N, C-alpha and C. Protein backbone atom coordinates (compact mmCIF):
# COMPACT_ATOMS: atom_id res chain seq x y z
N MET A 1 118.00 116.27 69.74
CA MET A 1 117.31 115.46 70.62
C MET A 1 116.87 116.28 71.74
N TYR A 2 117.63 117.34 72.15
CA TYR A 2 117.08 118.11 73.18
C TYR A 2 115.87 118.76 72.98
N SER A 3 115.60 119.21 71.84
CA SER A 3 114.39 119.86 71.58
C SER A 3 113.25 118.90 71.58
N GLU A 4 113.39 117.69 71.26
CA GLU A 4 112.38 116.72 71.32
C GLU A 4 112.01 116.51 72.83
N THR A 5 112.83 116.40 73.68
CA THR A 5 112.64 116.30 75.17
C THR A 5 111.91 117.53 75.62
N GLU A 6 112.28 118.75 75.22
CA GLU A 6 111.49 119.91 75.68
C GLU A 6 110.13 119.96 75.10
N ASP A 7 109.90 119.50 73.83
CA ASP A 7 108.55 119.32 73.38
C ASP A 7 107.64 118.36 74.15
N LEU A 8 108.25 117.30 74.50
CA LEU A 8 107.60 116.35 75.23
C LEU A 8 107.20 116.80 76.71
N VAL A 9 108.19 117.51 77.35
CA VAL A 9 107.91 118.08 78.68
C VAL A 9 106.84 119.12 78.55
N ARG A 10 106.76 119.94 77.54
CA ARG A 10 105.87 120.98 77.41
C ARG A 10 104.50 120.44 77.22
N ASP A 11 104.46 119.38 76.30
CA ASP A 11 103.10 118.77 75.96
C ASP A 11 102.57 118.21 77.26
N LEU A 12 103.44 117.40 78.10
CA LEU A 12 102.83 117.00 79.24
C LEU A 12 102.38 118.00 80.29
N ALA A 13 103.11 119.02 80.37
CA ALA A 13 102.76 120.06 81.27
C ALA A 13 101.45 120.74 80.93
N GLU A 14 101.22 120.92 79.73
CA GLU A 14 100.05 121.50 79.18
C GLU A 14 98.91 120.50 79.47
N ASN A 15 99.13 119.34 79.39
CA ASN A 15 97.97 118.33 79.39
C ASN A 15 98.19 117.41 80.59
N ALA A 16 98.65 117.88 81.71
CA ALA A 16 98.93 116.98 82.84
C ALA A 16 97.78 116.31 83.41
N GLU A 17 96.61 117.02 83.53
CA GLU A 17 95.37 116.46 83.98
C GLU A 17 94.85 115.21 83.01
N GLY A 18 94.94 115.47 81.78
CA GLY A 18 94.71 114.38 80.81
C GLY A 18 95.47 113.11 80.96
N VAL A 19 96.80 113.44 81.24
CA VAL A 19 97.79 112.27 81.41
C VAL A 19 97.33 111.47 82.68
N CYS A 20 97.12 112.28 83.69
CA CYS A 20 96.64 111.58 85.11
C CYS A 20 95.33 110.86 84.82
N ARG A 21 94.41 111.42 84.12
CA ARG A 21 93.11 110.68 83.94
C ARG A 21 93.24 109.43 83.10
N ALA A 22 94.22 109.47 82.07
CA ALA A 22 94.55 108.32 81.17
C ALA A 22 95.27 107.16 82.04
N TYR A 23 96.14 107.50 82.85
CA TYR A 23 96.91 106.53 83.46
C TYR A 23 96.63 106.26 84.94
N LEU A 24 95.86 107.18 85.50
CA LEU A 24 95.26 106.85 86.92
C LEU A 24 93.83 107.27 87.03
N PRO A 25 93.06 106.49 86.40
CA PRO A 25 91.64 106.83 86.24
C PRO A 25 90.93 106.86 87.56
N ALA A 26 91.37 106.15 88.51
CA ALA A 26 90.65 106.03 89.75
C ALA A 26 90.96 107.36 90.56
N GLY A 27 91.76 108.21 90.11
CA GLY A 27 92.11 109.32 90.93
C GLY A 27 91.10 110.56 90.68
N ARG A 28 91.33 111.62 91.37
CA ARG A 28 90.56 112.79 91.23
C ARG A 28 91.33 114.07 91.56
N ARG A 29 91.00 115.09 91.00
CA ARG A 29 91.68 116.42 91.23
C ARG A 29 91.31 117.06 92.52
N GLU A 30 92.32 117.51 93.34
CA GLU A 30 91.97 118.06 94.49
C GLU A 30 92.97 119.31 94.54
N GLY A 31 92.36 120.51 94.22
CA GLY A 31 93.34 121.61 94.15
C GLY A 31 94.23 121.49 92.94
N SER A 32 95.56 121.57 93.04
CA SER A 32 96.48 121.30 92.17
C SER A 32 97.16 119.90 92.11
N TYR A 33 96.48 119.05 92.88
CA TYR A 33 97.03 117.69 92.97
C TYR A 33 96.01 116.72 92.42
N TRP A 34 96.70 115.62 91.99
CA TRP A 34 95.89 114.46 91.44
C TRP A 34 95.89 113.26 92.51
N ILE A 35 94.87 113.09 93.21
CA ILE A 35 94.88 112.20 94.40
C ILE A 35 94.34 110.79 93.84
N VAL A 36 95.02 109.76 94.35
CA VAL A 36 94.66 108.36 93.85
C VAL A 36 94.55 107.53 95.09
């Protein structure tokens, strides 16, 4: 189970902007932050 969690965390980290765009579409990227 631990490796599944690690995989999920790694996938989210690699695609953080995509996750933000999907769940917070009104936001925008400003530097390394997602502003909503």
